[in-house]
């Protein structure tokens, strides 16, 4: 038996290795994978690195198919050459001849399970990290080809671009940066910038900017891009008005990568951690950013209403270029809703250094809203005055005069610099809000966001559980698939080896379809139990079918 096992094992392994190599090359080179990354602007060197990452992934995908093919061909040829008949005539139990495919199936199962849980996630994360870090290079290539950048409804063009480092970072773009900022962000500066804004495929605004900062943020599961247009001159084609701004923030927008990091690409250790702590899921973390912003808006508007109801001015403190300032905002009428706070008959007193004259702004209307800052996770409070804006010094000097403007934007202040607001926000547990354990009276928009996040919470939790069981059931079924391929190769003899392979592909196709259906059902929490039944039911059915064919039909 040792000689027979060695003989069948050698023939099986030889066919298995050649089939695996051929199918892997076919998938990598002929599957159009290279075209996907080439179309994204990745060069030849980067594409070569990505193909090295993809080779082990392709091997993992085709390994069960290659093992099935080799088992069917090897044992089909042996049956055709009467080698199986000779073994049976010698009194050898034919089932002992199935030990080599059984061992091969066990090895394929172990490798597939390890690869799905550790190798593939590691390689996919490497591809993800490579492409997200190469985004500035892709952008530079776009400009060199004379192509505009397309972000949302904007088209941005530039004459020159360069990547900035910590020493090149402009002081007026952000108050300070840290080492962690540069680990998660890449900055690019554009000069000679022009942009177009479209609405429903119609041009609604166009303009120019002296400089533009583009921030690529890599901290989340999906890279985000944000642009800071500086010294903007634009024309509103709809209202036929000309505007000038010192800064205009666009974004952030998510950048779709050729391969995104998802739950299905996480390793087993991370999946088990996500199962116990769903809030650690990258997709949940991205959604949590939006929920945190909505809670900030709620606390900001609530705080403004509290101060205005007491007849007190609302005070904001900020810092611009190492100088502290304070805004004291008073209004006769106010209205806060789920998006912002609107004031009427407004008076704003801006003070800087004690002892120097303060600036007093008056206007018919004002808007206070929370906006995203240039830095990651930074939120600023913006105050915009409109309609009959007047600016004067207090106390007034001899040569002072009143400046009148149609609109004025006051210096932005950081949300985290407002002591009371930041205290309320940091002491609030958003997890309790998502789970429905909080009694916070949210606005309709915030409540809608909370319900959406709660639904995603349940969906991702079910998806994690489905992914864990999918990998285990799909890997374990390889043993049955390979053994039934060898059995069918013996049964269907007389030169019909390819027919045997085709027949043996039917149960494998059944398992693949059942596994995919089961994993897709796991995305819906209400079908979580059904998904497990489908996946493990298909695996159990294959083992029962293999046992029946090997014991009953092969014996005949």
Protein backbone atom coordinates (compact mmCIF):
# COMPACT_ATOMS: atom_id res chain seq x y z
CA UNK A 1 0.00 0.00 0.00
CA UNK A 2 2.87 2.35 0.72
CA UNK A 3 4.13 1.86 -2.84
CA UNK A 4 0.66 2.43 -4.29
CA UNK A 5 0.08 5.50 -2.16
CA UNK A 6 3.45 6.92 -3.19
CA UNK A 7 2.70 6.21 -6.85
CA UNK A 8 -0.77 7.80 -6.86
CA UNK A 9 0.43 10.65 -4.65
CA UNK A 10 3.30 11.45 -7.03
CA UNK A 11 1.05 11.47 -10.09
CA UNK A 12 -1.56 13.49 -8.22
CA UNK A 13 0.94 16.07 -7.01
CA UNK A 14 2.56 16.45 -10.44
CA UNK A 15 -0.75 17.17 -12.13
CA UNK A 16 -1.85 19.39 -9.26
CA UNK A 17 1.24 21.63 -9.43
CA UNK A 18 1.09 22.05 -13.22
CA UNK A 19 -2.64 22.81 -13.13
CA UNK A 20 -2.21 25.32 -10.30
CA UNK A 21 0.55 27.18 -12.16
CA UNK A 22 -1.41 27.32 -15.41
CA UNK A 23 -4.66 28.51 -13.82
CA UNK A 24 -2.85 31.10 -11.67
CA UNK A 25 -1.14 32.65 -14.68
CA UNK A 26 -4.42 32.60 -16.57
CA UNK A 27 -6.22 34.49 -13.80
CA UNK A 28 -3.45 37.05 -13.16
CA UNK A 29 -2.38 37.83 -16.72
CA UNK A 30 -5.59 37.11 -18.61
CA UNK A 31 -8.19 38.27 -16.14
CA UNK A 32 -7.87 41.99 -16.84
CA UNK A 33 -6.51 42.69 -13.36
CA UNK A 34 -3.62 44.70 -14.71
CA UNK A 35 -5.97 46.90 -16.73
CA UNK A 36 -7.88 47.81 -13.57
CA UNK A 37 -4.84 49.35 -11.93
CA UNK A 38 -3.42 50.83 -15.14
CA UNK A 39 -6.65 52.76 -15.65
CA UNK A 40 -6.22 54.22 -12.17
CA UNK A 41 -2.91 55.81 -13.18
CA UNK A 42 -0.54 53.33 -11.51
CA UNK A 43 2.72 52.95 -13.39
CA UNK A 44 4.56 49.83 -14.55
CA UNK A 45 6.67 49.54 -11.39
CA UNK A 46 3.66 49.84 -9.13
CA UNK A 47 1.71 47.40 -11.28
CA UNK A 48 4.53 44.84 -10.97
CA UNK A 49 4.38 45.09 -7.18
CA UNK A 50 0.62 44.64 -7.20
CA UNK A 51 0.89 41.54 -9.41
CA UNK A 52 3.31 40.02 -6.88
CA UNK A 53 0.66 40.61 -4.23
CA UNK A 54 -2.03 39.07 -6.42
CA UNK A 55 -0.17 35.84 -7.22
CA UNK A 56 -0.75 34.14 -3.82
CA UNK A 57 -4.37 35.35 -3.86
CA UNK A 58 -4.94 33.76 -7.28
CA UNK A 59 -3.37 30.50 -6.05
CA UNK A 60 -5.76 30.46 -3.10
CA UNK A 61 -8.78 30.90 -5.35
CA UNK A 62 -7.88 28.19 -7.85
CA UNK A 63 -6.36 25.65 -5.45
CA UNK A 64 -9.57 23.60 -4.89
CA UNK A 65 -10.27 23.59 -8.66
CA UNK A 66 -6.71 22.50 -9.46
CA UNK A 67 -6.88 19.72 -6.84
CA UNK A 68 -10.25 18.55 -8.18
CA UNK A 69 -8.94 18.48 -11.75
CA UNK A 70 -5.75 16.61 -10.79
CA UNK A 71 -7.66 14.01 -8.76
CA UNK A 72 -10.14 13.37 -11.58
CA UNK A 73 -7.44 13.17 -14.27
CA UNK A 74 -5.07 10.98 -12.23
CA UNK A 75 -7.64 8.41 -11.14
CA UNK A 76 -9.50 8.54 -14.44
CA UNK A 77 -6.30 7.67 -16.31
CA UNK A 78 -5.53 4.91 -13.80
CA UNK A 79 -9.00 3.44 -14.35
CA UNK A 80 -8.64 3.70 -18.13
CA UNK A 81 -5.26 1.90 -18.01
CA UNK A 82 -6.82 -0.84 -15.83
CA UNK A 83 -4.49 0.01 -12.94
CA UNK A 84 -7.46 0.25 -10.58
CA UNK A 85 -8.77 -3.07 -11.92
CA UNK A 86 -5.38 -4.67 -11.28
CA UNK A 87 -5.39 -3.45 -7.68
CA UNK A 88 -8.88 -4.86 -7.18
CA UNK A 89 -7.86 -8.20 -8.73
CA UNK A 90 -4.93 -8.34 -6.29
CA UNK A 91 -7.45 -8.21 -3.44
CA UNK A 92 -6.73 -4.61 -2.44
CA UNK A 93 -9.65 -2.65 -1.03
CA UNK A 94 -10.25 0.08 -3.59
CA UNK A 95 -11.10 2.60 -0.89
CA UNK A 96 -7.48 2.51 0.31
CA UNK A 97 -6.51 4.03 -3.04
CA UNK A 98 -8.37 7.21 -2.04
CA UNK A 99 -5.90 8.02 0.72
CA UNK A 100 -3.69 10.31 -1.50
CA UNK A 101 -6.63 12.55 -2.60
CA UNK A 102 -7.86 12.53 1.00
CA UNK A 103 -4.44 13.77 2.17
CA UNK A 104 -4.29 16.32 -0.66
CA UNK A 105 -7.78 17.53 0.29
CA UNK A 106 -6.70 17.90 3.91
CA UNK A 107 -3.64 19.93 2.87
CA UNK A 108 -5.73 22.10 0.55
CA UNK A 109 -8.25 22.68 3.36
CA UNK A 110 -5.54 23.73 5.81
CA UNK A 111 -3.86 26.02 3.28
CA UNK A 112 -7.15 27.52 2.10
CA UNK A 113 -8.32 28.20 5.64
CA UNK A 114 -4.99 29.77 6.60
CA UNK A 115 -4.89 31.77 3.38
CA UNK A 116 -8.47 33.09 3.67
CA UNK A 117 -7.89 34.12 7.28
CA UNK A 118 -4.34 35.45 7.22
CA UNK A 119 -2.52 35.43 3.87
CA UNK A 120 -5.20 37.01 1.66
CA UNK A 121 -6.10 39.75 4.22
CA UNK A 122 -2.43 40.62 4.60
CA UNK A 123 -1.88 40.86 0.85
CA UNK A 124 -5.11 42.77 0.24
CA UNK A 125 -4.15 45.24 2.95
CA UNK A 126 -0.75 45.61 1.28
CA UNK A 127 -2.42 46.45 -2.06
CA UNK A 128 -4.81 48.82 -0.31
CA UNK A 129 -1.99 50.59 1.51
CA UNK A 130 0.12 50.81 -1.65
CA UNK A 131 -2.64 52.36 -3.75
CA UNK A 132 -3.73 54.86 -1.08
CA UNK A 133 -0.15 55.99 -0.49
CA UNK A 134 0.34 56.39 -4.23
CA UNK A 135 -2.63 58.75 -4.63
CA UNK A 136 -0.46 61.92 -4.88
CA UNK A 137 1.54 60.25 -7.66
CA UNK A 138 -1.70 59.42 -9.46
CA UNK A 139 -2.84 63.04 -9.10
CA UNK A 140 0.49 64.33 -10.43
CA UNK A 141 0.15 62.02 -13.42
CA UNK A 142 -3.33 63.39 -14.07
CA UNK A 143 -2.01 66.96 -14.26
CA UNK A 144 0.93 65.93 -16.44
CA UNK A 145 -1.55 64.41 -18.89
CA UNK A 146 -3.56 67.64 -18.87
CA UNK A 147 -6.58 65.97 -17.25
CA UNK A 148 -8.65 67.69 -14.53
CA UNK A 149 -9.27 66.23 -11.11
CA UNK A 150 -12.90 65.26 -10.62
CA UNK A 151 -14.13 65.48 -7.02
CA UNK A 152 -17.88 65.44 -6.50
CA UNK A 153 -19.40 68.20 -8.59
CA UNK A 154 -16.05 70.03 -9.05
CA UNK A 155 -13.42 69.88 -11.79
CA UNK A 156 -10.03 71.24 -10.72
CA UNK A 157 -7.12 72.08 -13.02
CA UNK A 158 -3.65 73.43 -12.16
CA UNK A 159 -0.44 74.50 -13.84
CA UNK A 160 1.92 73.09 -11.20
CA UNK A 161 1.71 70.74 -8.21
CA UNK A 162 4.11 69.56 -5.52
CA UNK A 163 3.94 67.43 -2.40
CA UNK A 164 4.46 69.28 0.89
CA UNK A 165 6.34 68.16 3.98
CA UNK A 166 6.12 69.31 7.62
CA UNK A 167 8.51 72.22 6.95
CA UNK A 168 6.48 73.43 3.96
CA UNK A 169 3.08 73.45 5.65
CA UNK A 170 1.43 76.91 5.45
CA UNK A 171 0.75 78.53 8.82
CA UNK A 172 -2.62 79.96 7.79
CA UNK A 173 -4.01 76.55 6.77
CA UNK A 174 -3.98 75.00 10.23
CA UNK A 175 -2.84 76.12 13.67
CA UNK A 176 -0.50 73.22 14.34
CA UNK A 177 0.42 69.75 13.12
CA UNK A 178 1.84 66.71 14.85
CA UNK A 179 3.76 63.60 13.87
CA UNK A 180 0.51 61.61 13.83
CA UNK A 181 -0.94 64.07 11.33
CA UNK A 182 1.81 63.35 8.80
CA UNK A 183 1.45 59.58 9.30
CA UNK A 184 -2.18 59.69 8.21
CA UNK A 185 -2.14 62.58 5.72
CA UNK A 186 -0.38 63.66 2.55
CA UNK A 187 -0.51 67.26 1.36
CA UNK A 188 -0.16 68.60 -2.14
CA UNK A 189 -0.03 72.27 -3.16
CA UNK A 190 -1.35 73.45 -6.52
CA UNK A 191 -0.59 76.75 -8.20
CA UNK A 192 -2.36 78.40 -11.11
CA UNK A 193 -5.65 76.77 -10.20
CA UNK A 194 -8.95 77.02 -12.04
CA UNK A 195 -12.12 75.15 -11.19
CA UNK A 196 -15.60 74.44 -12.50
CA UNK A 197 -18.71 73.57 -10.50
CA UNK A 198 -21.54 71.60 -12.08
CA UNK A 199 -25.10 71.01 -10.96
CA UNK A 200 -27.10 68.38 -12.87
CA UNK A 201 -24.48 68.46 -15.64
CA UNK A 202 -24.83 72.25 -16.02
CA UNK A 203 -22.07 74.75 -15.25
CA UNK A 204 -23.18 76.88 -12.30
CA UNK A 205 -19.89 78.42 -11.11
CA UNK A 206 -16.31 78.84 -12.27
CA UNK A 207 -13.28 80.67 -10.98
CA UNK A 208 -9.60 80.73 -10.11
CA UNK A 209 -7.46 80.43 -6.99
CA UNK A 210 -3.89 81.54 -6.37
CA UNK A 211 -3.06 78.37 -4.44
CA UNK A 212 -4.86 75.21 -3.44
CA UNK A 213 -4.01 72.66 -0.77
CA UNK A 214 -5.18 69.09 -1.35
CA UNK A 215 -5.20 66.89 1.75
CA UNK A 216 -5.23 63.11 1.28
CA UNK A 217 -6.33 61.44 4.49
CA UNK A 218 -5.43 57.74 4.88
CA UNK A 219 -6.68 57.13 8.42
CA UNK A 220 -10.08 55.63 7.49
CA UNK A 221 -10.94 52.51 5.55
CA UNK A 222 -11.49 54.69 2.46
CA UNK A 223 -9.10 57.54 1.61
CA UNK A 224 -10.63 61.01 1.72
CA UNK A 225 -9.60 64.11 -0.15
CA UNK A 226 -10.22 67.69 0.92
CA UNK A 227 -9.25 70.89 -0.91
CA UNK A 228 -8.57 74.34 0.49
CA UNK A 229 -8.88 76.98 -2.25
CA UNK A 230 -6.99 80.14 -1.22
CA UNK A 231 -7.69 83.66 -2.48
CA UNK A 232 -10.61 82.57 -4.62
CA UNK A 233 -12.21 84.66 -7.34
CA UNK A 234 -15.36 83.06 -8.72
CA UNK A 235 -18.39 83.93 -10.82
CA UNK A 236 -21.84 82.53 -10.06
CA UNK A 237 -23.34 81.80 -13.49
CA UNK A 238 -26.83 81.27 -12.05
CA UNK A 239 -27.14 84.52 -10.07
CA UNK A 240 -24.59 86.39 -12.22
CA UNK A 241 -22.59 87.58 -9.21
CA UNK A 242 -18.86 87.86 -8.61
CA UNK A 243 -17.35 86.68 -5.29
CA UNK A 244 -13.96 86.77 -3.58
CA UNK A 245 -12.96 84.51 -0.68
CA UNK A 246 -9.76 84.11 1.29
CA UNK A 247 -10.47 80.40 1.81
CA UNK A 248 -13.01 77.96 0.45
CA UNK A 249 -13.03 74.37 1.74
CA UNK A 250 -14.32 71.69 -0.64
CA UNK A 251 -14.99 68.16 0.52
CA UNK A 252 -14.07 65.83 2.02
CA UNK A 253 -14.87 63.24 -0.62
CA UNK A 254 -14.16 59.54 -0.53
CA UNK A 255 -11.80 58.22 -3.21
CA UNK A 256 -12.83 54.78 -4.49
CA UNK A 257 -9.78 52.52 -4.67
CA UNK A 258 -9.37 49.61 -7.12
CA UNK A 259 -9.53 47.35 -4.05
CA UNK A 260 -11.06 48.72 -0.87
CA UNK A 261 -10.45 47.43 2.60
CA UNK A 262 -13.59 45.64 3.76
CA UNK A 263 -14.67 43.17 6.40
CA UNK A 264 -14.17 40.30 3.94
CA UNK A 265 -10.48 41.22 3.71
CA UNK A 266 -9.79 41.25 7.46
CA UNK A 267 -7.85 38.45 9.14
CA UNK A 268 -9.42 36.03 11.60
CA UNK A 269 -8.05 37.80 14.66
CA UNK A 270 -9.63 41.08 13.58
CA UNK A 271 -12.92 39.37 12.76
CA UNK A 272 -13.06 37.84 16.23
CA UNK A 273 -12.30 41.26 17.71
CA UNK A 274 -15.05 42.84 15.58
CA UNK A 275 -17.46 40.15 16.77
CA UNK A 276 -16.89 41.19 20.39
CA UNK A 277 -16.56 44.92 19.61
CA UNK A 278 -18.43 45.94 16.42
CA UNK A 279 -17.47 49.59 16.98
CA UNK A 280 -13.91 48.71 15.96
CA UNK A 281 -15.05 47.83 12.40
CA UNK A 282 -13.43 50.33 9.94
CA UNK A 283 -16.73 50.98 8.16
CA UNK A 284 -18.40 51.70 11.50
CA UNK A 285 -15.59 54.08 12.40
CA UNK A 286 -16.21 56.04 9.19
CA UNK A 287 -19.93 56.27 9.98
CA UNK A 288 -19.15 57.30 13.55
CA UNK A 289 -17.41 60.43 12.23
CA UNK A 290 -20.70 61.58 10.73
CA UNK A 291 -22.60 60.78 13.93
CA UNK A 292 -20.08 62.68 16.04
CA UNK A 293 -20.51 65.71 13.80
CA UNK A 294 -24.29 65.56 14.16
CA UNK A 295 -23.95 65.40 17.94
CA UNK A 296 -21.61 68.42 17.81
CA UNK A 297 -24.24 70.33 15.81
CA UNK A 298 -26.89 69.37 18.37
CA UNK A 299 -24.81 70.54 21.35
CA UNK A 300 -23.77 73.77 19.56
CA UNK A 301 -27.33 74.78 18.70
CA UNK A 302 -28.58 73.76 22.14
CA UNK A 303 -25.88 75.86 23.82
CA UNK A 304 -26.67 78.90 21.67
CA UNK A 305 -30.37 78.64 22.52
CA UNK A 306 -29.60 78.37 26.24
CA UNK A 307 -27.43 81.52 26.27
CA UNK A 308 -29.76 83.54 24.05
CA UNK A 309 -32.79 82.59 26.17
CA UNK A 310 -31.03 84.04 29.24
CA UNK A 311 -30.36 87.30 27.39
CA UNK A 312 -26.61 86.74 27.41
CA UNK A 313 -24.28 87.16 24.43
CA UNK A 314 -22.94 83.92 23.01
CA UNK A 315 -19.15 83.83 23.37
CA UNK A 316 -16.74 82.04 21.02
CA UNK A 317 -12.98 81.93 21.57
CA UNK A 318 -10.43 81.30 18.84
CA UNK A 319 -6.85 81.73 17.74
CA UNK A 320 -5.37 83.06 14.47
CA UNK A 321 -1.61 83.15 13.87
CA UNK A 322 -0.67 82.92 17.55
CA UNK A 323 -3.20 85.65 18.49
CA UNK A 324 -6.23 84.91 20.66
CA UNK A 325 -9.56 86.58 19.99
CA UNK A 326 -13.11 86.45 21.34
CA UNK A 327 -16.48 86.92 19.66
CA UNK A 328 -19.45 88.13 21.70
CA UNK A 329 -22.61 87.51 19.64
CA UNK A 330 -25.95 89.13 20.53
CA UNK A 331 -29.24 89.00 18.61
CA UNK A 332 -32.86 90.07 19.10
CA UNK A 333 -34.19 86.98 17.34
CA UNK A 334 -32.73 83.49 16.99
CA UNK A 335 -33.77 80.13 15.59
CA UNK A 336 -31.79 76.89 15.86
CA UNK A 337 -32.61 73.80 13.83
CA UNK A 338 -30.98 70.51 12.88
CA UNK A 339 -28.45 72.16 10.54
CA UNK A 340 -27.48 75.58 11.89
CA UNK A 341 -28.54 78.58 13.94
CA UNK A 342 -29.92 81.75 12.27
CA UNK A 343 -29.96 85.15 13.97
CA UNK A 344 -31.62 88.50 13.20
CA UNK A 345 -30.60 92.02 14.21
CA UNK A 346 -27.13 90.84 15.13
CA UNK A 347 -24.30 92.55 16.99
CA UNK A 348 -20.85 90.93 17.25
CA UNK A 349 -18.02 92.35 19.32
CA UNK A 350 -14.58 91.02 18.45
CA UNK A 351 -11.78 91.60 20.98
CA UNK A 352 -8.13 90.62 20.70
CA UNK A 353 -5.40 92.16 22.87
CA UNK A 354 -6.78 93.77 26.07
CA UNK A 355 -6.59 97.56 25.92
CA UNK A 356 -6.81 97.80 22.14
CA UNK A 357 -10.00 98.91 20.33
CA UNK A 358 -12.50 96.17 19.65
CA UNK A 359 -14.25 95.65 16.33
CA UNK A 360 -18.04 95.75 16.34
CA UNK A 361 -20.04 94.11 13.55
CA UNK A 362 -23.75 94.69 13.03
CA UNK A 363 -25.99 93.06 10.44
CA UNK A 364 -29.58 92.19 9.74
CA UNK A 365 -28.91 88.44 9.57
CA UNK A 366 -26.27 85.97 10.71
CA UNK A 367 -25.62 82.26 10.35
CA UNK A 368 -23.72 80.10 12.86
CA UNK A 369 -22.90 76.58 11.69
CA UNK A 370 -20.42 73.77 12.24
CA UNK A 371 -18.02 73.04 9.41
CA UNK A 372 -15.17 70.63 8.80
CA UNK A 373 -11.70 72.03 9.24
CA UNK A 374 -8.66 71.30 7.15
CA UNK A 375 -7.24 68.82 9.63
CA UNK A 376 -8.59 65.33 10.16
CA UNK A 377 -11.40 65.18 12.74
CA UNK A 378 -11.19 68.96 13.18
CA UNK A 379 -14.46 70.90 13.28
CA UNK A 380 -14.77 74.67 13.28
CA UNK A 381 -17.60 77.05 14.05
CA UNK A 382 -18.21 79.59 11.29
CA UNK A 383 -20.13 82.86 11.70
CA UNK A 384 -21.37 84.55 8.53
CA UNK A 385 -22.98 87.99 8.60
CA UNK A 386 -25.22 89.10 5.75
CA UNK A 387 -27.46 92.02 4.73
CA UNK A 388 -26.39 95.52 5.73
CA UNK A 389 -23.14 94.55 7.44
CA UNK A 390 -21.40 97.48 9.20
CA UNK A 391 -17.97 97.35 10.84
CA UNK A 392 -16.56 99.97 13.23
CA UNK A 393 -14.06 100.23 16.05
CA UNK A 394 -15.05 100.60 19.70
CA UNK A 395 -14.21 103.05 21.14
CA UNK A 396 -14.20 105.02 17.90
CA UNK A 397 -11.09 107.06 17.05
CA UNK A 398 -10.89 110.40 15.31
CA UNK A 399 -10.16 108.92 11.88
CA UNK A 400 -12.30 105.81 12.24
CA UNK A 401 -15.13 105.31 9.81
CA UNK A 402 -17.89 102.77 9.37
CA UNK A 403 -17.20 100.10 6.74
CA UNK A 404 -20.26 98.71 4.97
CA UNK A 405 -20.35 95.32 3.23
CA UNK A 406 -23.08 93.05 1.85
CA UNK A 407 -21.53 89.99 3.52
CA UNK A 408 -18.75 89.23 6.00
CA UNK A 409 -17.28 85.95 7.26
CA UNK A 410 -15.73 86.15 10.72
CA UNK A 411 -12.62 84.15 11.68
CA UNK A 412 -13.44 80.52 12.32
CA UNK A 413 -13.01 79.04 15.79
CA UNK A 414 -12.29 75.44 16.72
CA UNK A 415 -15.07 73.46 18.38
CA UNK A 416 -12.58 71.86 20.77
CA UNK A 417 -11.47 75.31 22.01
CA UNK A 418 -14.95 76.01 23.42
CA UNK A 419 -14.64 74.63 26.94
CA UNK A 420 -18.32 74.04 27.75
CA UNK A 421 -19.17 72.63 24.33
CA UNK A 422 -16.20 70.28 24.33
CA UNK A 423 -17.01 69.14 27.89
CA UNK A 424 -20.57 68.21 26.89
CA UNK A 425 -19.42 66.38 23.79
CA UNK A 426 -16.58 64.40 25.37
CA UNK A 427 -18.74 63.33 28.34
CA UNK A 428 -21.41 61.92 26.04
CA UNK A 429 -21.27 58.20 25.11
CA UNK A 430 -22.23 57.81 21.45
CA UNK A 431 -22.28 54.01 21.75
CA UNK A 432 -25.23 54.24 24.16
CA UNK A 433 -26.97 56.49 21.62
CA UNK A 434 -26.52 53.93 18.84
CA UNK A 435 -27.77 51.07 21.01
CA UNK A 436 -30.85 53.10 21.97
CA UNK A 437 -29.85 53.51 25.64
CA UNK A 438 -29.72 57.33 25.50
CA UNK A 439 -32.61 59.74 26.04
CA UNK A 440 -31.01 62.69 24.24
CA UNK A 441 -33.78 64.69 22.44
CA UNK A 442 -32.23 64.78 18.98
CA UNK A 443 -33.41 66.82 16.01
CA UNK A 444 -35.10 64.80 13.21
CA UNK A 445 -31.93 64.83 11.09
CA UNK A 446 -29.75 63.60 13.96
CA UNK A 447 -32.33 60.95 14.87
CA UNK A 448 -32.37 59.74 11.26
CA UNK A 449 -28.58 59.49 11.30
CA UNK A 450 -28.74 57.54 14.57
CA UNK A 451 -31.25 55.07 13.14
CA UNK A 452 -29.11 54.60 10.04
CA UNK A 453 -26.04 53.97 12.18
CA UNK A 454 -27.93 51.48 14.37
CA UNK A 455 -29.03 49.58 11.26
CA UNK A 456 -25.45 49.49 9.97
CA UNK A 457 -24.31 48.34 13.42
CA UNK A 458 -26.55 45.26 13.16
CA UNK A 459 -25.63 44.63 9.52
CA UNK A 460 -21.88 44.71 10.09
CA UNK A 461 -22.21 42.52 13.17
CA UNK A 462 -24.09 39.90 11.13
CA UNK A 463 -21.61 40.25 8.24
CA UNK A 464 -18.65 39.55 10.54
CA UNK A 465 -20.30 36.38 11.82
CA UNK A 466 -21.17 35.28 8.28
CA UNK A 467 -17.61 35.86 7.06
CA UNK A 468 -16.12 33.73 9.85
CA UNK A 469 -18.43 30.80 9.05
CA UNK A 470 -18.04 31.24 5.29
CA UNK A 471 -14.29 30.78 5.44
CA UNK A 472 -14.54 27.74 7.71
CA UNK A 473 -17.26 25.96 5.71
CA UNK A 474 -15.78 26.75 2.30
CA UNK A 475 -12.31 25.54 3.32
CA UNK A 476 -13.56 22.36 4.97
CA UNK A 477 -15.56 21.23 1.93
CA UNK A 478 -12.36 20.92 -0.16
CA UNK A 479 -11.74 17.42 1.23
CA UNK A 480 -15.10 16.13 0.01
CA UNK A 481 -14.76 17.87 -3.37
CA UNK A 482 -11.35 16.34 -4.13
CA UNK A 483 -12.31 12.84 -2.98
CA UNK A 484 -15.51 12.81 -5.05
CA UNK A 485 -13.48 13.95 -8.05
CA UNK A 486 -11.20 10.92 -7.70
CA UNK A 487 -14.18 8.59 -7.23
CA UNK A 488 -15.94 9.93 -10.36
CA UNK A 489 -12.68 9.58 -12.30
CA UNK A 490 -12.69 5.86 -11.46
CA UNK A 491 -16.38 5.35 -12.13
CA UNK A 492 -16.52 7.21 -15.48
CA UNK A 493 -13.84 5.32 -17.36
CA UNK A 494 -13.13 4.51 -20.97
CA UNK A 495 -11.49 7.79 -21.96
CA UNK A 496 -14.24 10.01 -20.56
CA UNK A 497 -12.02 11.71 -17.99
CA UNK A 498 -13.11 15.21 -18.96
CA UNK A 499 -16.71 14.08 -18.59
CA UNK A 500 -15.90 12.94 -15.07
CA UNK A 501 -14.29 16.28 -14.34
CA UNK A 502 -17.34 18.09 -15.68
CA UNK A 503 -19.65 15.98 -13.54
CA UNK A 504 -17.50 16.56 -10.45
CA UNK A 505 -17.63 20.33 -11.07
CA UNK A 506 -21.39 20.27 -10.54
CA UNK A 507 -21.21 19.64 -6.76
CA UNK A 508 -18.38 22.14 -6.48
CA UNK A 509 -20.48 24.74 -8.27
CA UNK A 510 -23.30 23.91 -5.87
CA UNK A 511 -21.02 24.51 -2.88
CA UNK A 512 -19.70 27.78 -4.29
CA UNK A 513 -23.19 29.09 -5.01
CA UNK A 514 -24.47 28.00 -1.60
CA UNK A 515 -21.49 29.61 0.16
CA UNK A 516 -21.90 32.89 -1.73
CA UNK A 517 -25.65 32.95 -1.12
CA UNK A 518 -25.07 32.21 2.56
CA UNK A 519 -22.51 34.97 2.91
CA UNK A 520 -24.77 37.46 1.10
CA UNK A 521 -27.68 36.52 3.35
CA UNK A 522 -25.50 37.23 6.37
CA UNK A 523 -25.44 40.91 5.37
CA UNK A 524 -29.07 41.11 6.50
CA UNK A 525 -29.45 40.58 10.25
CA UNK A 526 -32.89 38.99 9.91
CA UNK A 527 -31.38 36.17 7.80
CA UNK A 528 -28.26 35.59 9.91
CA UNK A 529 -29.40 32.15 11.10
CA UNK A 530 -30.55 31.15 7.62
CA UNK A 531 -27.14 32.05 6.18
CA UNK A 532 -25.39 29.67 8.58
CA UNK A 533 -27.82 26.87 7.70
CA UNK A 534 -27.19 27.41 3.96
CA UNK A 535 -23.38 27.42 4.24
CA UNK A 536 -22.98 24.53 6.66
CA UNK A 537 -25.86 22.64 5.06
CA UNK A 538 -24.06 22.65 1.70
CA UNK A 539 -20.88 21.39 3.37
CA UNK A 540 -22.72 18.60 5.18
CA UNK A 541 -24.53 17.63 1.97
CA UNK A 542 -21.23 17.31 0.10
CA UNK A 543 -19.76 14.99 2.72
CA UNK A 544 -22.90 12.85 2.66
CA UNK A 545 -22.86 12.73 -1.16
CA UNK A 546 -19.16 11.82 -1.21
CA UNK A 547 -19.69 9.07 1.33
CA UNK A 548 -22.63 7.65 -0.62
CA UNK A 549 -20.79 7.68 -3.97
CA UNK A 550 -17.58 6.21 -2.50
CA UNK A 551 -19.23 3.50 -0.41
CA UNK A 552 -22.23 2.43 -2.48
CA UNK A 553 -21.57 3.26 -6.14
CA UNK A 554 -17.77 2.79 -6.25
CA UNK A 555 -18.07 -0.59 -4.52
CA UNK A 556 -20.24 -1.84 -7.35
